[in-house]
N, C-alpha and C. Protein backbone atom coordinates (compact mmCIF):
# COMPACT_ATOMS: atom_id res chain seq x y z
N MET A 1 14.22 3.72 -1.97
CA MET A 1 13.56 5.33 -2.28
C MET A 1 14.64 6.12 -1.00
N ALA A 2 15.19 6.63 -1.62
CA ALA A 2 16.95 7.72 -1.16
C ALA A 2 16.13 9.33 -0.08
N THR A 3 16.48 9.33 0.90
CA THR A 3 16.31 10.37 1.76
C THR A 3 17.25 10.94 1.35
N GLU A 4 16.77 12.59 2.03
CA GLU A 4 17.36 13.72 1.54
C GLU A 4 18.41 13.64 3.05
N ARG A 5 20.09 14.04 2.45
CA ARG A 5 20.95 13.99 2.76
C ARG A 5 21.07 15.41 4.48
N LEU A 6 21.00 14.70 5.44
CA LEU A 6 20.96 16.37 6.36
C LEU A 6 21.84 16.17 7.19
N ARG A 7 21.99 17.73 7.20
CA ARG A 7 22.61 18.71 7.94
C ARG A 7 23.61 18.39 9.33
N ILE A 8 24.98 18.03 8.81
CA ILE A 8 25.67 17.62 10.17
C ILE A 8 26.93 18.72 10.39
N ASN A 9 26.93 19.53 11.97
CA ASN A 9 28.36 19.86 11.62
C ASN A 9 28.23 21.34 11.87
N ASN A 10 29.76 21.51 10.70
CA ASN A 10 29.68 22.86 10.36
C ASN A 10 28.72 22.91 8.85
N GLU A 11 28.44 22.23 8.42
CA GLU A 11 27.35 22.33 7.48
C GLU A 11 25.86 23.08 7.86
N ILE A 12 25.42 23.23 9.09
CA ILE A 12 24.22 23.52 9.22
C ILE A 12 24.68 25.00 8.88
N ARG A 13 23.39 26.11 8.82
CA ARG A 13 23.30 27.41 8.25
C ARG A 13 22.62 28.25 9.48
N ALA A 14 22.15 27.60 9.81
CA ALA A 14 21.13 28.52 10.29
C ALA A 14 22.05 28.77 12.65
N GLN A 15 22.24 30.15 12.61
CA GLN A 15 22.74 30.65 13.52
C GLN A 15 21.85 30.13 14.93
N GLU A 16 21.20 29.71 14.94
CA GLU A 16 20.46 29.78 16.60
C GLU A 16 19.72 28.35 16.15
N LEU A 17 19.63 27.52 17.34
CA LEU A 17 19.50 25.89 17.09
C LEU A 17 18.71 25.72 18.56
N ARG A 18 17.63 24.81 18.07
CA ARG A 18 17.28 24.49 19.36
C ARG A 18 17.93 23.19 20.03
N VAL A 19 18.56 22.49 20.27
CA VAL A 19 19.10 21.24 21.30
C VAL A 19 18.64 20.42 21.73
N ILE A 20 19.04 19.10 21.08
CA ILE A 20 18.61 18.27 22.25
C ILE A 20 19.15 17.37 22.67
N SER A 21 20.40 16.99 24.06
CA SER A 21 21.33 15.91 24.28
C SER A 21 20.86 14.42 24.09
N THR A 22 21.92 13.73 23.87
CA THR A 22 21.59 12.41 24.40
C THR A 22 20.95 11.51 24.52
N ASP A 23 20.68 12.13 25.75
CA ASP A 23 19.73 11.38 26.79
C ASP A 23 18.34 11.78 26.13
N GLY A 24 17.63 12.99 25.32
CA GLY A 24 16.69 13.13 24.67
C GLY A 24 16.51 14.25 25.58
N SER A 25 17.04 15.14 25.93
CA SER A 25 16.66 16.34 27.17
C SER A 25 16.80 17.54 26.05
N ASN A 26 16.06 18.91 26.32
CA ASN A 26 16.07 19.33 26.12
C ASN A 26 16.81 20.83 26.63
N LEU A 27 18.08 21.19 25.54
CA LEU A 27 19.07 21.64 25.78
C LEU A 27 18.67 23.48 26.23
N GLY A 28 18.01 23.68 24.90
CA GLY A 28 17.32 25.06 24.98
C GLY A 28 17.80 25.40 24.05
N VAL A 29 17.46 26.40 23.56
CA VAL A 29 18.29 27.24 21.84
C VAL A 29 19.34 27.07 21.97
N LEU A 30 19.92 27.57 21.74
CA LEU A 30 21.53 28.07 22.11
C LEU A 30 21.69 28.16 20.51
N SER A 31 23.32 28.84 19.83
CA SER A 31 23.79 29.84 19.06
C SER A 31 24.77 28.62 18.79
N LEU A 32 24.91 28.58 17.10
CA LEU A 32 25.45 27.63 16.55
C LEU A 32 26.70 27.05 17.55
N ASP A 33 28.03 28.10 17.73
CA ASP A 33 29.12 27.56 17.87
C ASP A 33 28.48 27.09 19.25
N ALA A 34 28.59 27.07 19.91
CA ALA A 34 27.67 26.66 21.40
C ALA A 34 26.89 25.18 20.63
N ALA A 35 26.58 24.60 20.18
CA ALA A 35 25.71 23.78 19.76
C ALA A 35 26.95 22.75 19.35
N LEU A 36 27.72 23.42 18.97
CA LEU A 36 28.69 22.57 18.42
C LEU A 36 29.97 22.59 19.50
N ALA A 37 29.87 23.10 20.27
CA ALA A 37 30.75 23.11 21.39
C ALA A 37 30.38 21.92 22.13
N ALA A 38 29.19 22.42 22.22
CA ALA A 38 28.69 20.81 23.23
C ALA A 38 28.42 19.97 22.40
N ALA A 39 28.41 19.71 20.94
CA ALA A 39 28.72 17.96 20.64
C ALA A 39 30.33 17.66 20.37
N LYS A 40 31.04 18.63 20.34
CA LYS A 40 32.18 17.96 20.33
C LYS A 40 32.85 17.25 21.91
N THR A 41 32.46 18.25 22.77
CA THR A 41 33.00 18.10 24.46
C THR A 41 32.54 16.71 24.46
N ALA A 42 31.13 16.65 23.62
CA ALA A 42 30.26 14.71 24.26
C ALA A 42 31.24 13.96 23.51
N GLY A 43 32.06 14.48 22.10
CA GLY A 43 32.80 13.44 21.10
C GLY A 43 31.32 13.14 20.32
N LEU A 44 31.05 13.66 19.90
CA LEU A 44 29.41 13.41 19.18
C LEU A 44 29.05 14.38 18.37
N ASP A 45 28.14 14.07 17.54
CA ASP A 45 28.17 14.76 16.01
C ASP A 45 26.77 15.68 16.59
N LEU A 46 26.77 16.88 15.46
CA LEU A 46 25.57 17.82 15.55
C LEU A 46 24.57 17.75 14.71
N ILE A 47 23.35 16.67 14.39
CA ILE A 47 22.92 16.71 12.88
C ILE A 47 21.58 17.10 13.36
N GLU A 48 20.93 18.54 12.07
CA GLU A 48 20.27 18.64 11.86
C GLU A 48 18.94 17.73 11.75
N ILE A 49 18.04 18.07 12.61
CA ILE A 49 17.21 16.90 12.78
C ILE A 49 15.68 17.63 11.70
N SER A 50 15.76 18.49 12.54
CA SER A 50 14.48 19.14 11.38
C SER A 50 14.58 21.28 10.99
N PRO A 51 14.89 20.89 9.34
CA PRO A 51 15.83 22.34 9.54
C PRO A 51 14.57 23.06 9.28
N SER A 52 13.33 23.03 8.86
CA SER A 52 12.29 23.65 8.22
C SER A 52 11.49 24.27 9.80
N ALA A 53 11.49 23.95 10.66
CA ALA A 53 11.64 24.20 12.20
C ALA A 53 11.68 25.54 12.64
N VAL A 54 11.42 26.35 13.04
CA VAL A 54 11.32 27.79 13.46
C VAL A 54 11.87 27.96 15.87
N PRO A 55 13.05 27.84 15.98
CA PRO A 55 13.82 27.90 15.37
C PRO A 55 14.55 26.42 14.42
N PRO A 56 15.37 26.71 13.78
CA PRO A 56 15.67 24.78 13.71
C PRO A 56 15.58 23.51 14.25
N ILE A 57 15.63 22.41 14.67
CA ILE A 57 16.06 21.11 15.50
C ILE A 57 16.97 20.59 15.39
N ALA A 58 18.32 20.38 16.27
CA ALA A 58 19.18 19.75 16.29
C ALA A 58 19.32 18.73 17.37
N LYS A 59 20.39 17.79 17.21
CA LYS A 59 20.20 16.86 17.96
C LYS A 59 21.63 16.55 18.05
N ILE A 60 22.61 15.62 19.16
CA ILE A 60 23.80 15.44 19.42
C ILE A 60 23.52 13.67 19.78
N MET A 61 24.07 13.44 18.19
CA MET A 61 24.41 12.02 18.86
C MET A 61 25.27 11.57 17.12
N ASP A 62 25.32 10.19 17.45
CA ASP A 62 26.86 9.90 16.52
C ASP A 62 26.02 9.45 14.84
N TYR A 63 27.04 9.91 14.32
CA TYR A 63 25.96 10.46 12.30
C TYR A 63 25.90 8.82 12.45
N GLY A 64 26.85 7.95 12.40
CA GLY A 64 26.55 6.41 11.97
C GLY A 64 25.43 5.78 12.44
N LYS A 65 25.26 5.71 13.59
CA LYS A 65 24.53 5.26 15.01
C LYS A 65 23.03 5.72 14.12
N PHE A 66 22.70 6.67 13.68
CA PHE A 66 22.08 8.32 13.61
C PHE A 66 20.61 7.38 12.15
N GLU A 67 22.30 7.23 10.78
CA GLU A 67 21.55 7.13 10.19
C GLU A 67 21.35 5.84 9.57
N TYR A 68 22.23 4.80 11.01
CA TYR A 68 21.53 3.46 10.88
C TYR A 68 20.06 3.35 11.51
N GLU A 69 19.83 4.29 12.20
CA GLU A 69 18.46 3.89 12.74
C GLU A 69 17.25 3.96 11.56
N ARG A 70 17.60 5.09 11.29
CA ARG A 70 16.71 5.47 10.00
C ARG A 70 16.20 4.77 9.02
N SER A 71 17.25 4.38 8.51
CA SER A 71 17.67 3.53 7.32
C SER A 71 16.58 1.80 8.38
N LYS A 72 16.37 1.30 9.59
CA LYS A 72 15.98 0.02 9.88
C LYS A 72 14.63 1.03 9.52
N LYS A 73 14.15 1.91 10.34
CA LYS A 73 12.41 2.49 10.26
C LYS A 73 12.09 2.67 8.63
N GLU A 74 12.96 2.62 7.49
CA GLU A 74 12.35 2.68 6.25
C GLU A 74 12.56 1.37 5.78
N LYS A 75 13.24 0.49 5.92
CA LYS A 75 13.07 -0.88 5.71
C LYS A 75 11.48 -1.25 6.62
N ALA A 76 11.63 -1.37 7.76
CA ALA A 76 10.30 -2.06 8.01
C ALA A 76 8.92 -1.11 7.33
N VAL A 77 8.85 0.50 7.50
CA VAL A 77 7.78 1.00 6.84
C VAL A 77 7.12 0.68 5.23
N LYS A 78 8.57 0.06 4.25
CA LYS A 78 8.78 -0.77 3.00
C LYS A 78 7.57 -2.05 2.91
N ALA A 79 8.45 -2.70 4.42
CA ALA A 79 7.82 -3.89 4.33
C ALA A 79 6.37 -4.10 4.56
N LYS A 80 5.71 -3.33 5.66
CA LYS A 80 4.79 -3.25 5.85
C LYS A 80 3.83 -3.04 4.56
N VAL A 81 4.16 -1.77 3.50
CA VAL A 81 3.81 -1.41 2.03
C VAL A 81 2.99 -3.17 1.44
N LYS A 82 1.92 -3.36 0.91
CA LYS A 82 1.35 -4.64 0.38
C LYS A 82 1.55 -3.79 -0.92
N VAL A 83 1.74 -5.17 -1.86
CA VAL A 83 1.48 -4.11 -3.50
C VAL A 83 0.22 -4.88 -4.38
N SER A 84 -0.28 -4.74 -4.26
CA SER A 84 -1.34 -5.02 -5.12
C SER A 84 -1.60 -5.12 -6.20
N GLU A 85 -1.93 -5.76 -7.10
CA GLU A 85 -2.23 -6.85 -8.06
C GLU A 85 -3.12 -6.97 -9.12
N THR A 86 -3.89 -6.99 -9.47
CA THR A 86 -4.75 -7.59 -10.85
C THR A 86 -4.58 -8.83 -11.44
N LYS A 87 -5.37 -9.55 -10.83
CA LYS A 87 -5.58 -11.37 -11.66
C LYS A 87 -6.62 -11.49 -12.21
N GLU A 88 -6.88 -12.45 -13.17
CA GLU A 88 -7.34 -12.89 -13.91
C GLU A 88 -8.07 -13.95 -13.65
N VAL A 89 -9.07 -13.76 -14.59
CA VAL A 89 -9.90 -15.33 -14.28
C VAL A 89 -10.80 -15.44 -15.66
N GLN A 90 -10.31 -16.39 -16.24
CA GLN A 90 -11.08 -16.24 -17.68
C GLN A 90 -12.02 -17.84 -17.84
N ILE A 91 -12.93 -17.95 -18.24
CA ILE A 91 -14.02 -18.50 -18.97
C ILE A 91 -14.28 -18.50 -18.99
N LYS A 92 -15.17 -19.12 -20.29
CA LYS A 92 -15.52 -19.56 -21.59
C LYS A 92 -16.79 -19.53 -21.61
N VAL A 93 -18.07 -19.89 -22.55
CA VAL A 93 -18.97 -19.97 -22.62
C VAL A 93 -19.21 -20.97 -22.43
N GLY A 94 -19.02 -22.32 -22.50
CA GLY A 94 -19.35 -23.49 -22.63
C GLY A 94 -18.62 -23.88 -20.60
N THR A 95 -17.84 -23.31 -20.17
CA THR A 95 -17.41 -23.72 -19.16
C THR A 95 -18.86 -24.36 -17.82
N GLY A 96 -18.10 -25.48 -17.14
CA GLY A 96 -19.60 -26.09 -16.39
C GLY A 96 -20.06 -25.09 -15.00
N ASP A 97 -21.04 -25.64 -14.43
CA ASP A 97 -20.41 -24.42 -12.96
C ASP A 97 -20.30 -25.19 -12.16
N HIS A 98 -19.60 -26.42 -11.96
CA HIS A 98 -18.32 -27.38 -11.09
C HIS A 98 -17.27 -26.16 -10.79
N ASP A 99 -16.57 -26.22 -12.37
CA ASP A 99 -15.62 -25.44 -12.80
C ASP A 99 -15.42 -23.47 -12.88
N MET A 100 -16.97 -23.16 -13.53
CA MET A 100 -16.74 -21.84 -12.36
C MET A 100 -16.38 -21.48 -10.93
N GLY A 101 -17.77 -22.30 -10.29
CA GLY A 101 -17.53 -22.33 -8.73
C GLY A 101 -15.67 -22.27 -8.25
N LEU A 102 -14.60 -23.52 -8.57
CA LEU A 102 -13.48 -23.45 -8.33
C LEU A 102 -12.67 -22.02 -8.37
N LYS A 103 -13.58 -21.13 -10.05
CA LYS A 103 -12.52 -19.94 -10.19
C LYS A 103 -13.20 -19.08 -9.31
N ALA A 104 -13.90 -19.12 -9.13
CA ALA A 104 -15.04 -18.11 -8.30
C ALA A 104 -14.51 -18.09 -6.71
N LYS A 105 -13.87 -19.65 -5.66
CA LYS A 105 -13.66 -19.05 -4.68
C LYS A 105 -12.08 -18.97 -5.07
N LYS A 106 -10.89 -19.43 -5.84
CA LYS A 106 -9.61 -18.70 -6.25
C LYS A 106 -10.08 -17.08 -6.17
N ALA A 107 -11.43 -16.29 -7.24
CA ALA A 107 -11.00 -14.95 -6.85
C ALA A 107 -11.54 -14.48 -5.95
N ALA A 108 -12.40 -15.39 -4.51
CA ALA A 108 -12.25 -14.47 -3.56
C ALA A 108 -11.32 -14.47 -3.17
N GLU A 109 -10.49 -15.60 -2.61
CA GLU A 109 -9.30 -16.27 -1.97
C GLU A 109 -8.78 -14.19 -2.31
N TRP A 110 -7.86 -14.55 -4.24
CA TRP A 110 -7.41 -13.17 -4.67
C TRP A 110 -7.95 -11.98 -3.92
N LEU A 111 -9.42 -11.61 -3.47
CA LEU A 111 -9.99 -10.43 -3.29
C LEU A 111 -9.48 -10.40 -1.80
N ALA A 112 -9.83 -11.47 -0.84
CA ALA A 112 -9.01 -11.36 0.48
C ALA A 112 -7.62 -10.95 0.57
N GLU A 113 -6.99 -11.43 -0.56
CA GLU A 113 -5.86 -10.72 -0.06
C GLU A 113 -5.07 -9.36 -0.48
N GLY A 114 -6.54 -8.76 -1.11
CA GLY A 114 -6.76 -7.09 -1.83
C GLY A 114 -6.39 -7.24 -2.82
N HIS A 115 -6.15 -7.87 -3.62
CA HIS A 115 -6.08 -8.03 -5.11
C HIS A 115 -7.16 -7.50 -6.05
N ARG A 116 -7.36 -6.54 -6.79
CA ARG A 116 -8.16 -7.18 -8.60
C ARG A 116 -8.32 -7.99 -8.65
N VAL A 117 -9.33 -8.51 -9.53
CA VAL A 117 -9.93 -9.32 -10.59
C VAL A 117 -10.40 -9.15 -11.18
N ARG A 118 -9.95 -9.68 -12.60
CA ARG A 118 -10.29 -9.28 -14.00
C ARG A 118 -10.56 -10.69 -14.07
N ALA A 119 -12.37 -10.19 -14.31
CA ALA A 119 -13.25 -11.47 -15.03
C ALA A 119 -12.87 -11.31 -16.86
N GLU A 120 -12.44 -12.11 -17.16
CA GLU A 120 -12.99 -12.18 -18.72
C GLU A 120 -13.94 -13.48 -19.37
N LEU A 121 -14.96 -13.74 -20.07
CA LEU A 121 -14.79 -14.21 -21.22
C LEU A 121 -15.05 -14.33 -22.10
N PHE A 122 -14.13 -15.00 -22.03
CA PHE A 122 -13.21 -15.53 -23.32
C PHE A 122 -14.19 -16.44 -24.74
N LEU A 123 -13.99 -15.20 -25.86
CA LEU A 123 -15.05 -15.28 -26.97
C LEU A 123 -14.27 -16.26 -28.54
N LYS A 124 -14.05 -17.48 -28.83
CA LYS A 124 -13.91 -18.06 -29.75
C LYS A 124 -14.05 -18.04 -31.01
N GLY A 125 -14.04 -17.58 -32.15
CA GLY A 125 -15.31 -19.17 -33.42
C GLY A 125 -16.30 -17.90 -33.34
N ARG A 126 -17.81 -18.86 -33.36
CA ARG A 126 -18.70 -18.84 -33.24
C ARG A 126 -19.05 -17.96 -32.85
N TYR A 127 -18.37 -18.44 -30.77
CA TYR A 127 -18.95 -17.63 -30.78
C TYR A 127 -19.40 -16.06 -30.02
N LYS A 128 -18.50 -15.56 -31.06
CA LYS A 128 -18.74 -14.15 -30.97
C LYS A 128 -19.42 -13.47 -32.15
N GLY A 129 -20.73 -14.06 -32.00
CA GLY A 129 -22.07 -13.20 -32.72
C GLY A 129 -22.88 -14.02 -32.31
N MET A 130 -22.31 -14.37 -30.87
CA MET A 130 -24.07 -14.76 -29.90
C MET A 130 -24.17 -13.60 -29.49
N GLY A 131 -25.71 -13.30 -28.76
CA GLY A 131 -25.97 -12.25 -28.69
C GLY A 131 -25.74 -11.68 -27.39
N GLU A 132 -24.79 -10.02 -27.36
CA GLU A 132 -24.50 -9.45 -26.72
C GLU A 132 -25.27 -9.57 -25.29
N GLU A 133 -26.32 -9.88 -24.90
CA GLU A 133 -26.92 -10.05 -23.85
C GLU A 133 -26.99 -11.01 -23.19
N PHE A 134 -26.76 -12.02 -24.17
CA PHE A 134 -26.45 -13.82 -23.16
C PHE A 134 -25.11 -13.27 -22.51
N LEU A 135 -24.20 -12.82 -23.41
CA LEU A 135 -22.94 -12.95 -22.59
C LEU A 135 -22.45 -12.29 -21.64
N LYS A 136 -23.00 -11.19 -21.44
CA LYS A 136 -22.79 -10.49 -20.77
C LYS A 136 -23.53 -10.66 -19.59
N GLU A 137 -24.75 -11.52 -19.35
CA GLU A 137 -25.18 -12.37 -18.50
C GLU A 137 -24.52 -13.48 -18.02
N ARG A 138 -23.78 -14.48 -18.87
CA ARG A 138 -23.05 -14.98 -18.15
C ARG A 138 -22.16 -15.15 -17.85
N LEU A 139 -21.45 -13.64 -18.07
CA LEU A 139 -20.33 -13.62 -16.86
C LEU A 139 -20.94 -12.84 -15.34
N GLU A 140 -22.25 -12.24 -15.61
CA GLU A 140 -22.42 -11.57 -14.50
C GLU A 140 -22.83 -12.61 -13.65
N ARG A 141 -22.93 -13.72 -13.92
CA ARG A 141 -24.31 -15.26 -13.24
C ARG A 141 -22.50 -15.54 -12.75
N PHE A 142 -21.40 -15.71 -13.14
CA PHE A 142 -20.02 -16.36 -13.17
C PHE A 142 -19.71 -15.12 -11.77
N LEU A 143 -19.90 -13.72 -11.77
CA LEU A 143 -19.16 -13.47 -10.72
C LEU A 143 -20.26 -12.86 -9.05
N LYS A 144 -21.74 -13.84 -9.78
CA LYS A 144 -22.02 -13.81 -8.30
C LYS A 144 -22.26 -14.95 -8.02
N LEU A 145 -21.86 -15.69 -8.28
CA LEU A 145 -20.93 -16.89 -7.42
C LEU A 145 -19.35 -15.97 -6.43
N ILE A 146 -18.85 -15.85 -6.89
CA ILE A 146 -17.96 -15.40 -6.17
C ILE A 146 -18.23 -15.23 -4.77
N PRO A 147 -18.02 -15.80 -3.55
CA PRO A 147 -18.31 -15.90 -1.78
C PRO A 147 -17.19 -14.52 -1.79
N TYR A 148 -17.32 -13.51 -2.11
CA TYR A 148 -16.78 -12.48 -0.94
C TYR A 148 -17.28 -11.62 -1.76
N ALA A 149 -17.13 -9.91 -0.92
CA ALA A 149 -18.44 -8.87 -0.83
C ALA A 149 -17.09 -8.20 -1.76
N TYR A 150 -17.66 -7.90 -2.76
CA TYR A 150 -17.13 -7.02 -3.93
C TYR A 150 -17.55 -5.93 -4.32
N LYS A 151 -16.76 -4.95 -5.08
CA LYS A 151 -17.72 -4.02 -5.65
C LYS A 151 -16.93 -3.90 -7.52
N VAL A 152 -17.47 -3.16 -7.86
CA VAL A 152 -17.10 -3.32 -9.47
C VAL A 152 -16.38 -1.71 -10.16
N ALA A 153 -15.55 -2.31 -9.42
CA ALA A 153 -14.75 -0.86 -10.43
C ALA A 153 -14.37 -0.62 -11.96
N GLU A 154 -14.75 -1.93 -12.81
CA GLU A 154 -14.69 -1.07 -14.23
C GLU A 154 -16.11 -2.35 -14.16
N PRO A 155 -17.09 -1.78 -15.34
CA PRO A 155 -18.47 -2.55 -14.91
C PRO A 155 -18.11 -3.41 -16.67
N VAL A 156 -18.78 -4.54 -16.96
CA VAL A 156 -18.26 -5.54 -17.93
C VAL A 156 -18.43 -4.73 -19.21
N THR A 157 -18.10 -4.59 -20.47
CA THR A 157 -17.60 -3.97 -21.66
C THR A 157 -16.92 -5.74 -22.61
N ARG A 158 -17.78 -5.40 -23.51
CA ARG A 158 -16.64 -5.22 -24.29
C ARG A 158 -15.61 -5.38 -24.69
N SER A 159 -14.22 -6.60 -24.38
CA SER A 159 -12.71 -6.80 -24.62
C SER A 159 -11.99 -7.37 -26.20
N PRO A 160 -10.98 -6.91 -26.38
CA PRO A 160 -10.61 -8.27 -27.50
C PRO A 160 -11.03 -9.01 -27.85
N LYS A 161 -10.58 -9.87 -26.56
CA LYS A 161 -11.07 -11.49 -26.62
C LYS A 161 -12.62 -12.24 -26.43
N GLY A 162 -13.39 -10.50 -25.96
CA GLY A 162 -14.66 -10.55 -25.59
C GLY A 162 -15.51 -9.77 -24.76
N PHE A 163 -15.66 -10.46 -23.49
CA PHE A 163 -16.32 -9.40 -22.39
C PHE A 163 -15.24 -9.42 -20.84
N ALA A 164 -15.41 -8.47 -20.53
CA ALA A 164 -14.36 -8.46 -19.41
C ALA A 164 -14.75 -7.09 -18.48
N GLY A 165 -14.59 -7.90 -16.83
CA GLY A 165 -15.47 -6.85 -15.53
C GLY A 165 -14.26 -6.56 -14.88
N VAL A 166 -13.71 -5.48 -13.75
CA VAL A 166 -12.59 -5.61 -13.22
C VAL A 166 -13.63 -5.66 -11.86
N ILE A 167 -13.20 -6.23 -10.81
CA ILE A 167 -13.96 -5.77 -9.26
C ILE A 167 -13.06 -5.85 -8.74
N GLU A 168 -12.73 -5.60 -7.12
CA GLU A 168 -12.03 -5.38 -5.97
C GLU A 168 -12.96 -5.75 -5.28
N ARG A 169 -12.22 -5.83 -3.66
CA ARG A 169 -12.72 -6.33 -2.88
C ARG A 169 -13.44 -4.69 -2.01
N ASP A 170 -14.38 -5.04 -1.46
CA ASP A 170 -15.46 -4.16 -0.42
C ASP A 170 -15.52 -4.48 0.77
N LEU A 171 -14.13 -4.07 1.27
CA LEU A 171 -14.20 -4.42 2.92
C LEU A 171 -15.54 -4.01 4.00
N VAL A 172 -16.52 -3.12 3.72
CA VAL A 172 -17.11 -2.92 4.91
C VAL A 172 -18.33 -3.81 4.59
N ALA A 173 -18.87 -4.40 2.72
CA ALA A 173 -19.61 -4.72 2.79
C ALA A 173 -19.16 -6.54 3.20
N GLN A 174 -17.98 -6.89 3.45
CA GLN A 174 -17.42 -8.76 3.88
C GLN A 174 -17.64 -8.50 5.19
N ALA A 175 -17.44 -7.35 5.45
CA ALA A 175 -17.28 -7.03 7.63
C ALA A 175 -18.57 -7.31 7.63
N LYS A 176 -19.80 -6.59 6.74
CA LYS A 176 -21.34 -6.85 7.31
C LYS A 176 -21.55 -8.23 6.91
N ARG A 177 -21.22 -8.93 5.64
CA ARG A 177 -21.99 -10.30 5.48
C ARG A 177 -20.84 -11.09 6.83
N GLU A 178 -19.91 -10.97 7.17
CA GLU A 178 -18.73 -11.62 8.21
C GLU A 178 -20.41 -11.64 9.90
N LYS A 179 -20.10 -10.74 9.90
CA LYS A 179 -21.58 -9.91 11.15
C LYS A 179 -22.82 -10.76 11.07
N GLU A 180 -23.25 -10.92 10.19
CA GLU A 180 -24.19 -11.78 9.47
C GLU A 180 -24.43 -13.23 9.76
N SER A 181 -24.08 -13.72 9.60
CA SER A 181 -22.88 -15.51 9.51
C SER A 181 -22.41 -15.71 10.35
N LYS A 182 -22.53 -14.58 11.45
CA LYS A 182 -22.16 -14.83 13.10
C LYS A 182 -23.60 -15.27 13.15
N THR A 183 -24.43 -14.04 13.42
CA THR A 183 -25.25 -13.52 13.96
C THR A 183 -26.38 -14.90 14.06
N LYS A 184 -26.08 -15.32 12.77
CA LYS A 184 -26.60 -17.09 12.03
C LYS A 184 -26.69 -17.96 13.04
N LYS A 185 -25.69 -18.27 13.53
CA LYS A 185 -24.98 -19.59 13.83
C LYS A 185 -25.42 -19.40 15.58
């Protein structure tokens, strides 16, 4: 994530600036020449922090230190961003109940992590000719086994390999479900 380069010292165009000193105190609105002189006597740089403000805000500090702190903040923000992806669970018409239960548990784990889950009923050979209602019901029966609250992102529809539907977590319903389970105990 590239940040815009801020103007420093003689690059600043504004004639009046609201200047903040090294200790964070407000020096008030100064002319550009007075602000540059104050920065020079402190042996530091004048950095235009908020160019869109009226008058623009500038701070007296070391530019290298300022850039280092800014990059640290950006890295911290970037680290908090969680990437969500679509995981896929594939079942077949002949998948047993125990295997479906295991796959449903895995799908619940992925939902808890914040991922979307694409559940697919894989059809091959003569299974492709079976009744559409029966096949949809089979996939929906699998979705009901998932022990985590979810909402349907994409309803069950025909796909090239069979039938598929996409679900994602529903935090409100899951919180309600957890609250109910605590009151039952």
